[in-house]
Amino acid sequence: MKHEHDYIREEGFYDRYSEPTIESCFSLWNACLFFNFHEALYGADTVSPSWILSFNPDFIDVCNLAGYDPHTVREKFIKLCNKKNKRR
């Protein structure tokens, strides 16, 4: 019996160079975390700083999937917010 991923391979969506790896998954979630971190810091309306500060369950999942400790990311976010506010 074939699985869904077997059909995907047969259709050529994957080759031996593009199959998902641990590193590519970390990179994806790292980019997601960086994007949201940047948006929350620099005032875009798409991401609220509370997403990070309140330990939103999605924030915790993204940190873990990116390979980072959520508490450490939150602390760094607070430090950057403080630096940003001092510049004003």
PDB file of N, CA and C in Angstrom:
ATOM      1  N   MET A   1       0.839  -1.185   0.000  1.00  0.00           N
ATOM      2  CA  MET A   1       0.000   0.000   0.000  1.00  0.00           C
ATOM      3  C   MET A   1       0.882   1.246   0.000  1.00  0.00           C
ATOM      4  N   LYS A   2       0.573   2.163  -0.895  1.00  0.00           N
ATOM      5  CA  LYS A   2       1.357   3.394  -0.994  1.00  0.00           C
ATOM      6  C   LYS A   2       0.809   4.458  -0.045  1.00  0.00           C
ATOM      7  N   HIS A   3       1.724   5.288   0.416  1.00  0.00           N
ATOM      8  CA  HIS A   3       1.345   6.438   1.236  1.00  0.00           C
ATOM      9  C   HIS A   3       1.303   7.667   0.351  1.00  0.00           C
ATOM     10  N   GLU A   4       0.680   8.736   0.870  1.00  0.00           N
ATOM     11  CA  GLU A   4       0.560   9.974   0.091  1.00  0.00           C
ATOM     12  C   GLU A   4       1.912  10.498  -0.355  1.00  0.00           C
ATOM     13  N   HIS A   5       2.909  10.426   0.539  1.00  0.00           N
ATOM     14  CA  HIS A   5       4.219  10.972   0.170  1.00  0.00           C
ATOM     15  C   HIS A   5       4.861  10.196  -0.976  1.00  0.00           C
ATOM     16  N   ASP A   6       4.488   8.929  -1.148  1.00  0.00           N
ATOM     17  CA  ASP A   6       5.010   8.161  -2.288  1.00  0.00           C
ATOM     18  C   ASP A   6       4.507   8.741  -3.603  1.00  0.00           C
ATOM     19  N   TYR A   7       3.242   9.146  -3.642  1.00  0.00           N
ATOM     20  CA  TYR A   7       2.681   9.748  -4.851  1.00  0.00           C
ATOM     21  C   TYR A   7       3.326  11.102  -5.147  1.00  0.00           C
ATOM     22  N   ILE A   8       3.608  11.837  -4.082  1.00  0.00           N
ATOM     23  CA  ILE A   8       4.267  13.139  -4.268  1.00  0.00           C
ATOM     24  C   ILE A   8       5.646  12.930  -4.881  1.00  0.00           C
ATOM     25  N   ARG A   9       6.374  11.952  -4.405  1.00  0.00           N
ATOM     26  CA  ARG A   9       7.702  11.662  -4.964  1.00  0.00           C
ATOM     27  C   ARG A   9       7.594  11.240  -6.426  1.00  0.00           C
ATOM     28  N   GLU A  10       6.607  10.406  -6.737  1.00  0.00           N
ATOM     29  CA  GLU A  10       6.433   9.941  -8.112  1.00  0.00           C
ATOM     30  C   GLU A  10       6.129  11.094  -9.064  1.00  0.00           C
ATOM     31  N   GLU A  11       5.434  12.095  -8.584  1.00  0.00           N
ATOM     32  CA  GLU A  11       5.084  13.239  -9.423  1.00  0.00           C
ATOM     33  C   GLU A  11       6.254  14.203  -9.584  1.00  0.00           C
ATOM     34  N   GLY A  12       7.349  13.965  -8.897  1.00  0.00           N
ATOM     35  CA  GLY A  12       8.540  14.779  -9.072  1.00  0.00           C
ATOM     36  C   GLY A  12       8.603  16.014  -8.196  1.00  0.00           C
ATOM     37  N   PHE A  13       7.757  16.090  -7.186  1.00  0.00           N
ATOM     38  CA  PHE A  13       7.821  17.258  -6.309  1.00  0.00           C
ATOM     39  C   PHE A  13       9.074  17.244  -5.456  1.00  0.00           C
ATOM     40  N   TYR A  14       9.526  16.065  -5.118  1.00  0.00           N
ATOM     41  CA  TYR A  14      10.759  15.923  -4.356  1.00  0.00           C
ATOM     42  C   TYR A  14      11.799  15.247  -5.234  1.00  0.00           C
ATOM     43  N   ASP A  15      13.013  15.631  -5.033  1.00  0.00           N
ATOM     44  CA  ASP A  15      14.105  14.828  -5.557  1.00  0.00           C
ATOM     45  C   ASP A  15      15.060  14.617  -4.394  1.00  0.00           C
ATOM     46  N   ARG A  16      16.140  13.978  -4.639  1.00  0.00           N
ATOM     47  CA  ARG A  16      17.006  13.672  -3.500  1.00  0.00           C
ATOM     48  C   ARG A  16      17.667  14.906  -2.905  1.00  0.00           C
ATOM     49  N   TYR A  17      17.614  16.031  -3.597  1.00  0.00           N
ATOM     50  CA  TYR A  17      18.211  17.259  -3.074  1.00  0.00           C
ATOM     51  C   TYR A  17      17.212  18.156  -2.376  1.00  0.00           C
ATOM     52  N   SER A  18      15.925  17.930  -2.559  1.00  0.00           N
ATOM     53  CA  SER A  18      14.956  18.862  -1.996  1.00  0.00           C
ATOM     54  C   SER A  18      14.046  18.256  -0.939  1.00  0.00           C
ATOM     55  N   GLU A  19      14.302  17.041  -0.530  1.00  0.00           N
ATOM     56  CA  GLU A  19      13.481  16.471   0.526  1.00  0.00           C
ATOM     57  C   GLU A  19      13.696  17.271   1.806  1.00  0.00           C
ATOM     58  N   PRO A  20      12.645  17.456   2.575  1.00  0.00           N
ATOM     59  CA  PRO A  20      12.789  18.214   3.827  1.00  0.00           C
ATOM     60  C   PRO A  20      13.817  17.576   4.753  1.00  0.00           C
ATOM     61  N   THR A  21      14.605  18.423   5.379  1.00  0.00           N
ATOM     62  CA  THR A  21      15.596  17.960   6.345  1.00  0.00           C
ATOM     63  C   THR A  21      15.358  18.697   7.652  1.00  0.00           C
ATOM     64  N   ILE A  22      16.000  18.241   8.690  1.00  0.00           N
ATOM     65  CA  ILE A  22      15.913  18.926   9.980  1.00  0.00           C
ATOM     66  C   ILE A  22      16.387  20.365   9.828  1.00  0.00           C
ATOM     67  N   GLU A  23      17.483  20.558   9.100  1.00  0.00           N
ATOM     68  CA  GLU A  23      18.043  21.903   8.934  1.00  0.00           C
ATOM     69  C   GLU A  23      17.078  22.819   8.190  1.00  0.00           C
ATOM     70  N   SER A  24      16.434  22.298   7.156  1.00  0.00           N
ATOM     71  CA  SER A  24      15.506  23.148   6.406  1.00  0.00           C
ATOM     72  C   SER A  24      14.289  23.496   7.249  1.00  0.00           C
ATOM     73  N   CYS A  25      13.860  22.581   8.105  1.00  0.00           N
ATOM     74  CA  CYS A  25      12.732  22.883   8.992  1.00  0.00           C
ATOM     75  C   CYS A  25      13.110  23.948  10.013  1.00  0.00           C
ATOM     76  N   PHE A  26      14.314  23.823  10.608  1.00  0.00           N
ATOM     77  CA  PHE A  26      14.785  24.859  11.533  1.00  0.00           C
ATOM     78  C   PHE A  26      14.870  26.201  10.820  1.00  0.00           C
ATOM     79  N   SER A  27      15.370  26.204   9.604  1.00  0.00           N
ATOM     80  CA  SER A  27      15.496  27.448   8.841  1.00  0.00           C
ATOM     81  C   SER A  27      14.141  28.090   8.581  1.00  0.00           C
ATOM     82  N   LEU A  28      13.168  27.281   8.237  1.00  0.00           N
ATOM     83  CA  LEU A  28      11.824  27.795   7.993  1.00  0.00           C
ATOM     84  C   LEU A  28      11.256  28.454   9.241  1.00  0.00           C
ATOM     85  N   TRP A  29      11.312  27.767  10.379  1.00  0.00           N
ATOM     86  CA  TRP A  29      10.738  28.317  11.604  1.00  0.00           C
ATOM     87  C   TRP A  29      11.573  29.476  12.135  1.00  0.00           C
ATOM     88  N   ASN A  30      12.882  29.452  11.889  1.00  0.00           N
ATOM     89  CA  ASN A  30      13.737  30.568  12.268  1.00  0.00           C
ATOM     90  C   ASN A  30      13.324  31.820  11.487  1.00  0.00           C
ATOM     91  N   ALA A  31      13.060  31.669  10.199  1.00  0.00           N
ATOM     92  CA  ALA A  31      12.619  32.794   9.373  1.00  0.00           C
ATOM     93  C   ALA A  31      11.264  33.311   9.846  1.00  0.00           C
ATOM     94  N   CYS A  32      10.380  32.405  10.199  1.00  0.00           N
ATOM     95  CA  CYS A  32       9.064  32.796  10.716  1.00  0.00           C
ATOM     96  C   CYS A  32       9.219  33.587  12.015  1.00  0.00           C
ATOM     97  N   LEU A  33      10.065  33.108  12.906  1.00  0.00           N
ATOM     98  CA  LEU A  33      10.309  33.802  14.172  1.00  0.00           C
ATOM     99  C   LEU A  33      10.933  35.165  13.928  1.00  0.00           C
ATOM    100  N   PHE A  34      11.941  35.233  13.058  1.00  0.00           N
ATOM    101  CA  PHE A  34      12.597  36.507  12.768  1.00  0.00           C
ATOM    102  C   PHE A  34      11.601  37.502  12.179  1.00  0.00           C
ATOM    103  N   PHE A  35      10.776  37.063  11.244  1.00  0.00           N
ATOM    104  CA  PHE A  35       9.790  37.941  10.620  1.00  0.00           C
ATOM    105  C   PHE A  35       8.853  38.529  11.671  1.00  0.00           C
ATOM    106  N   ASN A  36       8.312  37.679  12.535  1.00  0.00           N
ATOM    107  CA  ASN A  36       7.379  38.152  13.552  1.00  0.00           C
ATOM    108  C   ASN A  36       8.055  39.029  14.591  1.00  0.00           C
ATOM    109  N   PHE A  37       9.286  38.705  14.933  1.00  0.00           N
ATOM    110  CA  PHE A  37      10.085  39.506  15.866  1.00  0.00           C
ATOM    111  C   PHE A  37      10.270  40.907  15.281  1.00  0.00           C
ATOM    112  N   HIS A  38      10.665  40.968  14.020  1.00  0.00           N
ATOM    113  CA  HIS A  38      10.895  42.243  13.335  1.00  0.00           C
ATOM    114  C   HIS A  38       9.600  43.054  13.240  1.00  0.00           C
ATOM    115  N   GLU A  39       8.508  42.409  12.863  1.00  0.00           N
ATOM    116  CA  GLU A  39       7.228  43.097  12.735  1.00  0.00           C
ATOM    117  C   GLU A  39       6.760  43.647  14.075  1.00  0.00           C
ATOM    118  N   ALA A  40       6.935  42.871  15.140  1.00  0.00           N
ATOM    119  CA  ALA A  40       6.519  43.315  16.467  1.00  0.00           C
ATOM    120  C   ALA A  40       7.376  44.482  16.960  1.00  0.00           C
ATOM    121  N   LEU A  41       8.653  44.465  16.610  1.00  0.00           N
ATOM    122  CA  LEU A  41       9.568  45.528  17.056  1.00  0.00           C
ATOM    123  C   LEU A  41       9.370  46.840  16.313  1.00  0.00           C
ATOM    124  N   TYR A  42       9.140  46.752  15.020  1.00  0.00           N
ATOM    125  CA  TYR A  42       9.146  47.964  14.208  1.00  0.00           C
ATOM    126  C   TYR A  42       7.770  48.446  13.796  1.00  0.00           C
ATOM    127  N   GLY A  43       6.764  48.041  14.556  1.00  0.00           N
ATOM    128  CA  GLY A  43       5.475  48.687  14.467  1.00  0.00           C
ATOM    129  C   GLY A  43       4.517  48.275  13.381  1.00  0.00           C
ATOM    130  N   ALA A  44       4.761  47.218  12.691  1.00  0.00           N
ATOM    131  CA  ALA A  44       3.777  46.792  11.701  1.00  0.00           C
ATOM    132  C   ALA A  44       2.536  46.294  12.434  1.00  0.00           C
ATOM    133  N   ASP A  45       1.398  46.504  11.853  1.00  0.00           N
ATOM    134  CA  ASP A  45       0.148  46.110  12.497  1.00  0.00           C
ATOM    135  C   ASP A  45      -0.137  44.619  12.388  1.00  0.00           C
ATOM    136  N   THR A  46       0.698  43.907  11.679  1.00  0.00           N
ATOM    137  CA  THR A  46       0.422  42.484  11.465  1.00  0.00           C
ATOM    138  C   THR A  46       0.767  41.626  12.674  1.00  0.00           C
ATOM    139  N   VAL A  47       1.692  42.079  13.524  1.00  0.00           N
ATOM    140  CA  VAL A  47       2.101  41.300  14.693  1.00  0.00           C
ATOM    141  C   VAL A  47       2.152  42.218  15.907  1.00  0.00           C
ATOM    142  N   SER A  48       1.483  41.800  16.946  1.00  0.00           N
ATOM    143  CA  SER A  48       1.487  42.564  18.191  1.00  0.00           C
ATOM    144  C   SER A  48       2.634  42.098  19.079  1.00  0.00           C
ATOM    145  N   PRO A  49       3.288  43.043  19.797  1.00  0.00           N
ATOM    146  CA  PRO A  49       4.330  42.619  20.742  1.00  0.00           C
ATOM    147  C   PRO A  49       3.791  41.653  21.802  1.00  0.00           C
ATOM    148  N   SER A  50       2.489  41.712  22.070  1.00  0.00           N
ATOM    149  CA  SER A  50       1.926  40.803  23.070  1.00  0.00           C
ATOM    150  C   SER A  50       2.040  39.344  22.640  1.00  0.00           C
ATOM    151  N   TRP A  51       2.177  39.105  21.335  1.00  0.00           N
ATOM    152  CA  TRP A  51       2.377  37.743  20.842  1.00  0.00           C
ATOM    153  C   TRP A  51       3.613  37.133  21.492  1.00  0.00           C
ATOM    154  N   ILE A  52       4.621  37.962  21.696  1.00  0.00           N
ATOM    155  CA  ILE A  52       5.865  37.516  22.315  1.00  0.00           C
ATOM    156  C   ILE A  52       5.794  37.655  23.837  1.00  0.00           C
ATOM    157  N   LEU A  53       5.347  38.798  24.297  1.00  0.00           N
ATOM    158  CA  LEU A  53       5.388  39.102  25.726  1.00  0.00           C
ATOM    159  C   LEU A  53       4.464  38.232  26.566  1.00  0.00           C
ATOM    160  N   SER A  54       3.351  37.805  26.018  1.00  0.00           N
ATOM    161  CA  SER A  54       2.378  37.031  26.796  1.00  0.00           C
ATOM    162  C   SER A  54       2.593  35.519  26.707  1.00  0.00           C
ATOM    163  N   PHE A  55       3.646  35.113  26.039  1.00  0.00           N
ATOM    164  CA  PHE A  55       3.924  33.684  25.831  1.00  0.00           C
ATOM    165  C   PHE A  55       2.740  32.985  25.165  1.00  0.00           C
ATOM    166  N   ASN A  56       2.279  33.603  24.107  1.00  0.00           N
ATOM    167  CA  ASN A  56       1.231  33.006  23.295  1.00  0.00           C
ATOM    168  C   ASN A  56       1.648  31.582  22.932  1.00  0.00           C
ATOM    169  N   PRO A  57       0.725  30.615  22.983  1.00  0.00           N
ATOM    170  CA  PRO A  57       1.099  29.229  22.641  1.00  0.00           C
ATOM    171  C   PRO A  57       1.721  29.094  21.246  1.00  0.00           C
ATOM    172  N   ASP A  58       1.263  29.891  20.287  1.00  0.00           N
ATOM    173  CA  ASP A  58       1.858  29.847  18.948  1.00  0.00           C
ATOM    174  C   ASP A  58       3.306  30.331  18.980  1.00  0.00           C
ATOM    175  N   PHE A  59       3.573  31.365  19.775  1.00  0.00           N
ATOM    176  CA  PHE A  59       4.933  31.881  19.928  1.00  0.00           C
ATOM    177  C   PHE A  59       5.846  30.794  20.501  1.00  0.00           C
ATOM    178  N   ILE A  60       5.376  30.102  21.513  1.00  0.00           N
ATOM    179  CA  ILE A  60       6.165  29.038  22.128  1.00  0.00           C
ATOM    180  C   ILE A  60       6.442  27.927  21.115  1.00  0.00           C
ATOM    181  N   ASP A  61       5.428  27.547  20.351  1.00  0.00           N
ATOM    182  CA  ASP A  61       5.618  26.509  19.322  1.00  0.00           C
ATOM    183  C   ASP A  61       6.635  26.936  18.277  1.00  0.00           C
ATOM    184  N   VAL A  62       6.531  28.179  17.801  1.00  0.00           N
ATOM    185  CA  VAL A  62       7.458  28.664  16.772  1.00  0.00           C
ATOM    186  C   VAL A  62       8.888  28.685  17.315  1.00  0.00           C
ATOM    187  N   CYS A  63       9.067  29.146  18.550  1.00  0.00           N
ATOM    188  CA  CYS A  63      10.412  29.141  19.152  1.00  0.00           C
ATOM    189  C   CYS A  63      10.969  27.730  19.228  1.00  0.00           C
ATOM    190  N   ASN A  64      10.156  26.812  19.717  1.00  0.00           N
ATOM    191  CA  ASN A  64      10.619  25.428  19.839  1.00  0.00           C
ATOM    192  C   ASN A  64      10.950  24.822  18.478  1.00  0.00           C
ATOM    193  N   LEU A  65      10.111  25.078  17.490  1.00  0.00           N
ATOM    194  CA  LEU A  65      10.362  24.537  16.148  1.00  0.00           C
ATOM    195  C   LEU A  65      11.596  25.165  15.502  1.00  0.00           C
ATOM    196  N   ALA A  66      11.911  26.411  15.901  1.00  0.00           N
ATOM    197  CA  ALA A  66      13.106  27.083  15.386  1.00  0.00           C
ATOM    198  C   ALA A  66      14.359  26.691  16.167  1.00  0.00           C
ATOM    199  N   GLY A  67      14.172  25.975  17.277  1.00  0.00           N
ATOM    200  CA  GLY A  67      15.316  25.538  18.073  1.00  0.00           C
ATOM    201  C   GLY A  67      15.745  26.530  19.126  1.00  0.00           C
ATOM    202  N   TYR A  68      14.838  27.434  19.535  1.00  0.00           N
ATOM    203  CA  TYR A  68      15.162  28.454  20.527  1.00  0.00           C
ATOM    204  C   TYR A  68      14.305  28.297  21.771  1.00  0.00           C
ATOM    205  N   ASP A  69      14.857  28.718  22.898  1.00  0.00           N
ATOM    206  CA  ASP A  69      14.115  28.737  24.147  1.00  0.00           C
ATOM    207  C   ASP A  69      13.212  29.979  24.149  1.00  0.00           C
ATOM    208  N   PRO A  70      11.892  29.826  24.334  1.00  0.00           N
ATOM    209  CA  PRO A  70      10.982  30.979  24.302  1.00  0.00           C
ATOM    210  C   PRO A  70      11.317  32.047  25.339  1.00  0.00           C
ATOM    211  N   HIS A  71      11.789  31.623  26.508  1.00  0.00           N
ATOM    212  CA  HIS A  71      12.140  32.604  27.549  1.00  0.00           C
ATOM    213  C   HIS A  71      13.311  33.473  27.109  1.00  0.00           C
ATOM    214  N   THR A  72      14.294  32.870  26.484  1.00  0.00           N
ATOM    215  CA  THR A  72      15.458  33.615  25.999  1.00  0.00           C
ATOM    216  C   THR A  72      15.058  34.577  24.894  1.00  0.00           C
ATOM    217  N   VAL A  73      14.224  34.135  23.980  1.00  0.00           N
ATOM    218  CA  VAL A  73      13.760  35.006  22.890  1.00  0.00           C
ATOM    219  C   VAL A  73      12.988  36.182  23.474  1.00  0.00           C
ATOM    220  N   ARG A  74      12.119  35.918  24.440  1.00  0.00           N
ATOM    221  CA  ARG A  74      11.335  36.989  25.074  1.00  0.00           C
ATOM    222  C   ARG A  74      12.260  38.006  25.752  1.00  0.00           C
ATOM    223  N   GLU A  75      13.272  37.519  26.483  1.00  0.00           N
ATOM    224  CA  GLU A  75      14.220  38.415  27.150  1.00  0.00           C
ATOM    225  C   GLU A  75      14.946  39.302  26.142  1.00  0.00           C
ATOM    226  N   LYS A  76      15.385  38.707  25.044  1.00  0.00           N
ATOM    227  CA  LYS A  76      16.071  39.499  24.012  1.00  0.00           C
ATOM    228  C   LYS A  76      15.128  40.518  23.387  1.00  0.00           C
ATOM    229  N   PHE A  77      13.880  40.135  23.198  1.00  0.00           N
ATOM    230  CA  PHE A  77      12.892  41.055  22.650  1.00  0.00           C
ATOM    231  C   PHE A  77      12.708  42.255  23.584  1.00  0.00           C
ATOM    232  N   ILE A  78      12.610  41.999  24.876  1.00  0.00           N
ATOM    233  CA  ILE A  78      12.443  43.080  25.855  1.00  0.00           C
ATOM    234  C   ILE A  78      13.651  44.010  25.828  1.00  0.00           C
ATOM    235  N   LYS A  79      14.858  43.440  25.755  1.00  0.00           N
ATOM    236  CA  LYS A  79      16.076  44.266  25.687  1.00  0.00           C
ATOM    237  C   LYS A  79      16.065  45.158  24.441  1.00  0.00           C
ATOM    238  N   LEU A  80      15.686  44.599  23.305  1.00  0.00           N
ATOM    239  CA  LEU A  80      15.632  45.389  22.075  1.00  0.00           C
ATOM    240  C   LEU A  80      14.559  46.471  22.156  1.00  0.00           C
ATOM    241  N   CYS A  81      13.437  46.172  22.766  1.00  0.00           N
ATOM    242  CA  CYS A  81      12.380  47.182  22.939  1.00  0.00           C
ATOM    243  C   CYS A  81      12.871  48.324  23.812  1.00  0.00           C
ATOM    244  N   ASN A  82      13.591  47.978  24.885  1.00  0.00           N
ATOM    245  CA  ASN A  82      14.139  49.013  25.771  1.00  0.00           C
ATOM    246  C   ASN A  82      15.148  49.888  25.038  1.00  0.00           C
ATOM    247  N   LYS A  83      16.021  49.285  24.237  1.00  0.00           N
ATOM    248  CA  LYS A  83      16.991  50.070  23.458  1.00  0.00           C
ATOM    249  C   LYS A  83      16.280  50.966  22.467  1.00  0.00           C
ATOM    250  N   LYS A  84      15.265  50.441  21.831  1.00  0.00           N
ATOM    251  CA  LYS A  84      14.515  51.211  20.854  1.00  0.00           C
ATOM    252  C   LYS A  84      13.844  52.409  21.513  1.00  0.00           C
ATOM    253  N   ASN A  85      13.275  52.195  22.684  1.00  0.00           N
ATOM    254  CA  ASN A  85      12.586  53.279  23.406  1.00  0.00           C
ATOM    255  C   ASN A  85      13.552  54.336  23.923  1.00  0.00           C
ATOM    256  N   LYS A  86      14.785  53.965  24.260  1.00  0.00           N
ATOM    257  CA  LYS A  86      15.788  54.923  24.718  1.00  0.00           C
ATOM    258  C   LYS A  86      16.226  55.838  23.590  1.00  0.00           C
ATOM    259  N   ARG A  87      16.196  55.346  22.370  1.00  0.00           N
ATOM    260  CA  ARG A  87      16.618  56.147  21.200  1.00  0.00           C
ATOM    261  C   ARG A  87      15.621  57.248  20.882  1.00  0.00           C
ATOM    262  N   ARG A  88      14.406  57.073  21.301  1.00  0.00           N
ATOM    263  CA  ARG A  88      13.362  58.061  20.956  1.00  0.00           C
ATOM    264  C   ARG A  88      13.485  59.316  21.760  1.00  0.00           C
TER     265      ARG A  88
END
